[in-house]
PDB file of all heavy atoms in Angstrom:
ATOM      1  N   ALA A   1     -10.899  -0.844   8.769  1.00  0.00           N
ATOM      2  CA  ALA A   1     -10.466  -0.260  10.058  1.00  0.00           C
ATOM      3  C   ALA A   1      -9.215  -0.988  10.559  1.00  0.00           C
ATOM      4  O   ALA A   1      -8.279  -0.309  11.085  1.00  0.00           O
ATOM      5  CB  ALA A   1     -11.586  -0.328  11.105  1.00  0.00           C
ATOM      6  N   VAL A   2      -9.181  -2.304  10.381  1.00  0.00           N
ATOM      7  CA  VAL A   2      -8.009  -3.034  10.832  1.00  0.00           C
ATOM      8  C   VAL A   2      -6.772  -2.723   9.980  1.00  0.00           C
ATOM      9  O   VAL A   2      -5.691  -2.427  10.490  1.00  0.00           O
ATOM     10  CB  VAL A   2      -8.262  -4.555  10.822  1.00  0.00           C
ATOM     11  CG1 VAL A   2      -7.013  -5.333  11.222  1.00  0.00           C
ATOM     12  CG2 VAL A   2      -9.414  -4.918  11.777  1.00  0.00           C
ATOM     13  N   THR A   3      -6.953  -2.755   8.672  1.00  0.00           N
ATOM     14  CA  THR A   3      -5.836  -2.562   7.780  1.00  0.00           C
ATOM     15  C   THR A   3      -5.275  -1.119   7.821  1.00  0.00           C
ATOM     16  O   THR A   3      -4.104  -0.895   7.473  1.00  0.00           O
ATOM     17  CB  THR A   3      -6.202  -2.914   6.301  1.00  0.00           C
ATOM     18  OG1 THR A   3      -7.290  -2.065   5.900  1.00  0.00           O
ATOM     19  CG2 THR A   3      -6.604  -4.394   6.209  1.00  0.00           C
ATOM     20  N   GLU A   4      -6.100  -0.163   8.217  1.00  0.00           N
ATOM     21  CA  GLU A   4      -5.634   1.196   8.243  1.00  0.00           C
ATOM     22  C   GLU A   4      -4.916   1.519   9.565  1.00  0.00           C
ATOM     23  O   GLU A   4      -4.368   2.656   9.713  1.00  0.00           O
ATOM     24  CB  GLU A   4      -6.843   2.164   8.043  1.00  0.00           C
ATOM     25  CG  GLU A   4      -7.301   2.262   6.633  1.00  0.00           C
ATOM     26  CD  GLU A   4      -6.194   2.735   5.738  1.00  0.00           C
ATOM     27  OE1 GLU A   4      -5.776   3.957   5.863  1.00  0.00           O
ATOM     28  OE2 GLU A   4      -5.716   2.002   4.858  1.00  0.00           O
ATOM     29  N   GLU A   5      -4.868   0.628  10.476  1.00  0.00           N
ATOM     30  CA  GLU A   5      -4.110   0.916  11.692  1.00  0.00           C
ATOM     31  C   GLU A   5      -2.648   1.022  11.396  1.00  0.00           C
ATOM     32  O   GLU A   5      -2.129   0.319  10.583  1.00  0.00           O
ATOM     33  CB  GLU A   5      -4.346  -0.214  12.716  1.00  0.00           C
ATOM     34  CG  GLU A   5      -5.688  -0.212  13.412  1.00  0.00           C
ATOM     35  CD  GLU A   5      -5.725  -1.155  14.615  1.00  0.00           C
ATOM     36  OE1 GLU A   5      -4.665  -1.326  15.240  1.00  0.00           O
ATOM     37  OE2 GLU A   5      -6.779  -1.693  14.901  1.00  0.00           O
ATOM     38  N   LYS A   6      -2.022   2.003  12.028  1.00  0.00           N
ATOM     39  CA  LYS A   6      -0.582   2.191  11.784  1.00  0.00           C
ATOM     40  C   LYS A   6       0.159   2.316  13.134  1.00  0.00           C
ATOM     41  O   LYS A   6      -0.397   2.761  14.128  1.00  0.00           O
ATOM     42  CB  LYS A   6      -0.351   3.459  10.961  1.00  0.00           C
ATOM     43  CG  LYS A   6      -0.845   3.359   9.530  1.00  0.00           C
ATOM     44  CD  LYS A   6      -0.526   4.603   8.749  1.00  0.00           C
ATOM     45  CE  LYS A   6      -1.005   4.554   7.293  1.00  0.00           C
ATOM     46  NZ  LYS A   6      -0.344   3.504   6.557  1.00  0.00           N
ATOM     47  N   LEU A   7       1.437   1.925  13.069  1.00  0.00           N
ATOM     48  CA  LEU A   7       2.267   2.005  14.286  1.00  0.00           C
ATOM     49  C   LEU A   7       2.902   3.437  14.323  1.00  0.00           C
ATOM     50  O   LEU A   7       3.425   3.859  15.359  1.00  0.00           O
ATOM     51  CB  LEU A   7       3.337   0.957  14.286  1.00  0.00           C
ATOM     52  CG  LEU A   7       2.814  -0.469  14.523  1.00  0.00           C
ATOM     53  CD1 LEU A   7       3.883  -1.488  14.250  1.00  0.00           C
ATOM     54  CD2 LEU A   7       2.366  -0.585  16.011  1.00  0.00           C
ATOM     55  N   GLY A   8       2.949   4.132  13.185  1.00  0.00           N
ATOM     56  CA  GLY A   8       3.489   5.435  13.152  1.00  0.00           C
ATOM     57  C   GLY A   8       5.015   5.500  13.131  1.00  0.00           C
ATOM     58  O   GLY A   8       5.632   6.446  13.577  1.00  0.00           O
ATOM     59  N   ASN A   9       5.597   4.405  12.590  1.00  0.00           N
ATOM     60  CA  ASN A   9       7.051   4.416  12.553  1.00  0.00           C
ATOM     61  C   ASN A   9       7.469   3.662  11.227  1.00  0.00           C
ATOM     62  O   ASN A   9       6.624   3.425  10.357  1.00  0.00           O
ATOM     63  CB  ASN A   9       7.662   3.691  13.768  1.00  0.00           C
ATOM     64  CG  ASN A   9       7.073   2.297  14.008  1.00  0.00           C
ATOM     65  OD1 ASN A   9       6.743   1.587  13.087  1.00  0.00           O
ATOM     66  ND2 ASN A   9       7.008   1.927  15.264  1.00  0.00           N
ATOM     67  N   SER A  10       8.707   3.295  11.142  1.00  0.00           N
ATOM     68  CA  SER A  10       9.220   2.666   9.934  1.00  0.00           C
ATOM     69  C   SER A  10       8.647   1.263   9.663  1.00  0.00           C
ATOM     70  O   SER A  10       8.908   0.687   8.600  1.00  0.00           O
ATOM     71  CB  SER A  10      10.759   2.584   9.944  1.00  0.00           C
ATOM     72  OG  SER A  10      11.167   1.785  11.059  1.00  0.00           O
ATOM     73  N   CYS A  11       7.916   0.719  10.605  1.00  0.00           N
ATOM     74  CA  CYS A  11       7.248  -0.561  10.379  1.00  0.00           C
ATOM     75  C   CYS A  11       6.101  -0.414   9.381  1.00  0.00           C
ATOM     76  O   CYS A  11       5.720  -1.427   8.735  1.00  0.00           O
ATOM     77  CB  CYS A  11       6.724  -1.140  11.701  1.00  0.00           C
ATOM     78  SG  CYS A  11       8.022  -1.615  12.882  1.00  0.00           S
ATOM     79  N   ASP A  12       5.539   0.767   9.248  1.00  0.00           N
ATOM     80  CA  ASP A  12       4.481   0.988   8.292  1.00  0.00           C
ATOM     81  C   ASP A  12       4.982   0.921   6.860  1.00  0.00           C
ATOM     82  O   ASP A  12       6.138   1.305   6.597  1.00  0.00           O
ATOM     83  CB  ASP A  12       3.778   2.321   8.546  1.00  0.00           C
ATOM     84  CG  ASP A  12       3.133   2.406   9.933  1.00  0.00           C
ATOM     85  OD1 ASP A  12       2.640   1.361  10.397  1.00  0.00           O
ATOM     86  OD2 ASP A  12       3.121   3.513  10.505  1.00  0.00           O
ATOM     87  N   SER A  13       4.155   0.483   5.928  1.00  0.00           N
ATOM     88  CA  SER A  13       4.583   0.491   4.522  1.00  0.00           C
ATOM     89  C   SER A  13       4.737   1.911   3.998  1.00  0.00           C
ATOM     90  O   SER A  13       4.069   2.826   4.448  1.00  0.00           O
ATOM     91  CB  SER A  13       3.537  -0.251   3.649  1.00  0.00           C
ATOM     92  OG  SER A  13       2.278   0.361   3.816  1.00  0.00           O
ATOM     93  N   THR A  14       5.646   2.036   3.071  1.00  0.00           N
ATOM     94  CA  THR A  14       5.874   3.370   2.444  1.00  0.00           C
ATOM     95  C   THR A  14       4.939   3.542   1.251  1.00  0.00           C
ATOM     96  O   THR A  14       4.378   2.555   0.747  1.00  0.00           O
ATOM     97  CB  THR A  14       7.315   3.467   1.950  1.00  0.00           C
ATOM     98  OG1 THR A  14       7.479   2.480   0.858  1.00  0.00           O
ATOM     99  CG2 THR A  14       8.315   3.167   3.058  1.00  0.00           C
ATOM    100  N   PRO A  15       4.736   4.760   0.799  1.00  0.00           N
ATOM    101  CA  PRO A  15       3.881   4.944  -0.393  1.00  0.00           C
ATOM    102  C   PRO A  15       4.404   4.171  -1.587  1.00  0.00           C
ATOM    103  O   PRO A  15       3.629   3.639  -2.389  1.00  0.00           O
ATOM    104  CB  PRO A  15       4.004   6.460  -0.685  1.00  0.00           C
ATOM    105  CG  PRO A  15       4.273   7.047   0.693  1.00  0.00           C
ATOM    106  CD  PRO A  15       5.121   6.057   1.406  1.00  0.00           C
ATOM    107  N   GLU A  16       5.722   4.063  -1.724  1.00  0.00           N
ATOM    108  CA  GLU A  16       6.304   3.272  -2.837  1.00  0.00           C
ATOM    109  C   GLU A  16       5.978   1.810  -2.695  1.00  0.00           C
ATOM    110  O   GLU A  16       5.666   1.121  -3.705  1.00  0.00           O
ATOM    111  CB  GLU A  16       7.842   3.452  -2.863  1.00  0.00           C
ATOM    112  CG  GLU A  16       8.295   4.849  -3.183  1.00  0.00           C
ATOM    113  CD  GLU A  16       8.180   5.855  -2.039  1.00  0.00           C
ATOM    114  OE1 GLU A  16       7.992   5.392  -0.934  1.00  0.00           O
ATOM    115  OE2 GLU A  16       8.308   7.072  -2.270  1.00  0.00           O
ATOM    116  N   GLU A  17       5.966   1.268  -1.478  1.00  0.00           N
ATOM    117  CA  GLU A  17       5.580  -0.121  -1.248  1.00  0.00           C
ATOM    118  C   GLU A  17       4.118  -0.377  -1.546  1.00  0.00           C
ATOM    119  O   GLU A  17       3.732  -1.400  -2.137  1.00  0.00           O
ATOM    120  CB  GLU A  17       5.953  -0.566   0.160  1.00  0.00           C
ATOM    121  CG  GLU A  17       7.459  -0.693   0.363  1.00  0.00           C
ATOM    122  CD  GLU A  17       7.893  -0.722   1.803  1.00  0.00           C
ATOM    123  OE1 GLU A  17       7.075  -0.393   2.672  1.00  0.00           O
ATOM    124  OE2 GLU A  17       9.051  -1.101   2.105  1.00  0.00           O
ATOM    125  N   ASP A  18       3.244   0.572  -1.117  1.00  0.00           N
ATOM    126  CA  ASP A  18       1.866   0.452  -1.435  1.00  0.00           C
ATOM    127  C   ASP A  18       1.606   0.461  -2.941  1.00  0.00           C
ATOM    128  O   ASP A  18       0.749  -0.233  -3.456  1.00  0.00           O
ATOM    129  CB  ASP A  18       1.064   1.613  -0.822  1.00  0.00           C
ATOM    130  CG  ASP A  18       0.957   1.449   0.711  1.00  0.00           C
ATOM    131  OD1 ASP A  18       1.131   0.328   1.227  1.00  0.00           O
ATOM    132  OD2 ASP A  18       0.700   2.456   1.374  1.00  0.00           O
ATOM    133  N   GLU A  19       2.386   1.311  -3.645  1.00  0.00           N
ATOM    134  CA  GLU A  19       2.235   1.402  -5.112  1.00  0.00           C
ATOM    135  C   GLU A  19       2.603   0.058  -5.717  1.00  0.00           C
ATOM    136  O   GLU A  19       1.847  -0.417  -6.648  1.00  0.00           O
ATOM    137  CB  GLU A  19       3.116   2.459  -5.650  1.00  0.00           C
ATOM    138  CG  GLU A  19       2.904   2.845  -7.104  1.00  0.00           C
ATOM    139  CD  GLU A  19       1.564   3.561  -7.319  1.00  0.00           C
ATOM    140  OE1 GLU A  19       1.086   4.218  -6.420  1.00  0.00           O
ATOM    141  OE2 GLU A  19       1.021   3.399  -8.450  1.00  0.00           O
ATOM    142  N   ALA A  20       3.680  -0.553  -5.294  1.00  0.00           N
ATOM    143  CA  ALA A  20       4.119  -1.824  -5.903  1.00  0.00           C
ATOM    144  C   ALA A  20       3.182  -2.977  -5.529  1.00  0.00           C
ATOM    145  O   ALA A  20       2.925  -3.830  -6.392  1.00  0.00           O
ATOM    146  CB  ALA A  20       5.531  -2.130  -5.382  1.00  0.00           C
ATOM    147  N   LEU A  21       2.672  -2.977  -4.313  1.00  0.00           N
ATOM    148  CA  LEU A  21       1.862  -4.120  -3.870  1.00  0.00           C
ATOM    149  C   LEU A  21       0.400  -4.012  -4.234  1.00  0.00           C
ATOM    150  O   LEU A  21      -0.260  -5.025  -4.515  1.00  0.00           O
ATOM    151  CB  LEU A  21       1.975  -4.184  -2.329  1.00  0.00           C
ATOM    152  CG  LEU A  21       3.288  -4.693  -1.782  1.00  0.00           C
ATOM    153  CD1 LEU A  21       3.416  -4.389  -0.262  1.00  0.00           C
ATOM    154  CD2 LEU A  21       3.451  -6.183  -1.992  1.00  0.00           C
ATOM    155  N   ILE A  22      -0.133  -2.798  -4.289  1.00  0.00           N
ATOM    156  CA  ILE A  22      -1.573  -2.614  -4.497  1.00  0.00           C
ATOM    157  C   ILE A  22      -1.892  -1.764  -5.747  1.00  0.00           C
ATOM    158  O   ILE A  22      -2.408  -2.267  -6.736  1.00  0.00           O
ATOM    159  CB  ILE A  22      -2.262  -1.940  -3.253  1.00  0.00           C
ATOM    160  CG1 ILE A  22      -2.146  -2.880  -2.034  1.00  0.00           C
ATOM    161  CG2 ILE A  22      -3.719  -1.650  -3.555  1.00  0.00           C
ATOM    162  CD1 ILE A  22      -3.021  -4.115  -2.089  1.00  0.00           C
ATOM    163  N   PHE A  23      -1.576  -0.478  -5.665  1.00  0.00           N
ATOM    164  CA  PHE A  23      -2.182   0.464  -6.613  1.00  0.00           C
ATOM    165  C   PHE A  23      -1.639   0.286  -8.078  1.00  0.00           C
ATOM    166  O   PHE A  23      -2.407   0.369  -9.003  1.00  0.00           O
ATOM    167  CB  PHE A  23      -1.965   1.873  -6.150  1.00  0.00           C
ATOM    168  CG  PHE A  23      -2.517   2.131  -4.781  1.00  0.00           C
ATOM    169  CD1 PHE A  23      -1.741   2.587  -3.751  1.00  0.00           C
ATOM    170  CD2 PHE A  23      -3.875   1.910  -4.560  1.00  0.00           C
ATOM    171  CE1 PHE A  23      -2.267   2.847  -2.519  1.00  0.00           C
ATOM    172  CE2 PHE A  23      -4.415   2.172  -3.282  1.00  0.00           C
ATOM    173  CZ  PHE A  23      -3.611   2.586  -2.289  1.00  0.00           C
ATOM    174  N   GLY A  24      -0.346   0.029  -8.199  1.00  0.00           N
ATOM    175  CA  GLY A  24       0.171  -0.210  -9.559  1.00  0.00           C
ATOM    176  C   GLY A  24      -0.426  -1.452 -10.204  1.00  0.00           C
ATOM    177  O   GLY A  24      -0.697  -1.445 -11.395  1.00  0.00           O
ATOM    178  N   ARG A  25      -0.622  -2.492  -9.404  1.00  0.00           N
ATOM    179  CA  ARG A  25      -1.191  -3.744  -9.919  1.00  0.00           C
ATOM    180  C   ARG A  25      -2.692  -3.491 -10.261  1.00  0.00           C
ATOM    181  O   ARG A  25      -3.165  -4.021 -11.250  1.00  0.00           O
ATOM    182  CB  ARG A  25      -0.987  -4.838  -8.894  1.00  0.00           C
ATOM    183  CG  ARG A  25       0.453  -5.164  -8.642  1.00  0.00           C
ATOM    184  CD  ARG A  25       0.605  -6.037  -7.414  1.00  0.00           C
ATOM    185  NE  ARG A  25       0.196  -7.404  -7.672  1.00  0.00           N
ATOM    186  CZ  ARG A  25      -0.129  -8.289  -6.765  1.00  0.00           C
ATOM    187  NH1 ARG A  25      -0.088  -7.908  -5.466  1.00  0.00           N
ATOM    188  NH2 ARG A  25      -0.460  -9.554  -7.084  1.00  0.00           N
ATOM    189  N   ASN A  26      -3.379  -2.747  -9.414  1.00  0.00           N
ATOM    190  CA  ASN A  26      -4.774  -2.395  -9.751  1.00  0.00           C
ATOM    191  C   ASN A  26      -4.926  -1.789 -11.134  1.00  0.00           C
ATOM    192  O   ASN A  26      -5.746  -2.168 -11.950  1.00  0.00           O
ATOM    193  CB  ASN A  26      -5.363  -1.419  -8.716  1.00  0.00           C
ATOM    194  CG  ASN A  26      -5.516  -2.032  -7.345  1.00  0.00           C
ATOM    195  OD1 ASN A  26      -5.318  -3.258  -7.150  1.00  0.00           O
ATOM    196  ND2 ASN A  26      -5.869  -1.200  -6.367  1.00  0.00           N
ATOM    197  N   ALA A  27      -4.066  -0.765 -11.389  1.00  0.00           N
ATOM    198  CA  ALA A  27      -4.081  -0.079 -12.704  1.00  0.00           C
ATOM    199  C   ALA A  27      -3.783  -1.017 -13.852  1.00  0.00           C
ATOM    200  O   ALA A  27      -4.398  -0.944 -14.908  1.00  0.00           O
ATOM    201  CB  ALA A  27      -3.140   1.086 -12.641  1.00  0.00           C
ATOM    202  N   ASP A  28      -2.833  -1.904 -13.611  1.00  0.00           N
ATOM    203  CA  ASP A  28      -2.418  -2.849 -14.660  1.00  0.00           C
ATOM    204  C   ASP A  28      -3.576  -3.809 -14.948  1.00  0.00           C
ATOM    205  O   ASP A  28      -3.881  -4.075 -16.163  1.00  0.00           O
ATOM    206  CB  ASP A  28      -1.186  -3.639 -14.244  1.00  0.00           C
ATOM    207  CG  ASP A  28      -0.758  -4.693 -15.279  1.00  0.00           C
ATOM    208  OD1 ASP A  28      -0.361  -4.280 -16.362  1.00  0.00           O
ATOM    209  OD2 ASP A  28      -0.782  -5.863 -14.898  1.00  0.00           O
ATOM    210  N   TRP A  29      -4.201  -4.308 -13.935  1.00  0.00           N
ATOM    211  CA  TRP A  29      -5.292  -5.219 -14.165  1.00  0.00           C
ATOM    212  C   TRP A  29      -6.503  -4.571 -14.851  1.00  0.00           C
ATOM    213  O   TRP A  29      -7.132  -5.148 -15.708  1.00  0.00           O
ATOM    214  CB  TRP A  29      -5.764  -5.867 -12.838  1.00  0.00           C
ATOM    215  CG  TRP A  29      -4.700  -6.649 -12.131  1.00  0.00           C
ATOM    216  CD1 TRP A  29      -3.514  -7.048 -12.626  1.00  0.00           C
ATOM    217  CD2 TRP A  29      -4.739  -7.077 -10.798  1.00  0.00           C
ATOM    218  NE1 TRP A  29      -2.799  -7.729 -11.656  1.00  0.00           N
ATOM    219  CE2 TRP A  29      -3.535  -7.760 -10.538  1.00  0.00           C
ATOM    220  CE3 TRP A  29      -5.723  -7.040  -9.767  1.00  0.00           C
ATOM    221  CZ2 TRP A  29      -3.271  -8.358  -9.320  1.00  0.00           C
ATOM    222  CZ3 TRP A  29      -5.414  -7.602  -8.530  1.00  0.00           C
ATOM    223  CH2 TRP A  29      -4.184  -8.278  -8.326  1.00  0.00           C
ATOM    224  N   ALA A  30      -6.834  -3.341 -14.390  1.00  0.00           N
ATOM    225  CA  ALA A  30      -7.938  -2.604 -15.014  1.00  0.00           C
ATOM    226  C   ALA A  30      -7.715  -2.351 -16.469  1.00  0.00           C
ATOM    227  O   ALA A  30      -8.631  -2.229 -17.273  1.00  0.00           O
ATOM    228  CB  ALA A  30      -8.143  -1.298 -14.227  1.00  0.00           C
ATOM    229  N   GLU A  31      -6.420  -2.197 -16.893  1.00  0.00           N
ATOM    230  CA  GLU A  31      -6.145  -2.010 -18.272  1.00  0.00           C
ATOM    231  C   GLU A  31      -6.304  -3.271 -19.058  1.00  0.00           C
ATOM    232  O   GLU A  31      -6.652  -3.295 -20.263  1.00  0.00           O
ATOM    233  CB  GLU A  31      -4.662  -1.486 -18.429  1.00  0.00           C
ATOM    234  CG  GLU A  31      -4.479  -0.030 -18.024  1.00  0.00           C
ATOM    235  CD  GLU A  31      -3.049   0.430 -18.158  1.00  0.00           C
ATOM    236  OE1 GLU A  31      -2.224  -0.362 -18.739  1.00  0.00           O
ATOM    237  OE2 GLU A  31      -2.734   1.574 -17.765  1.00  0.00           O
TER     238      GLU A  31
END
């Protein structure tokens, strides 16, 4: 609930940033 809070502006991470920081690394580790 805390991490999903957003300010609704450019301060929020972009999908590309989320991919680089979280999801792309998840896929790499799982492989």
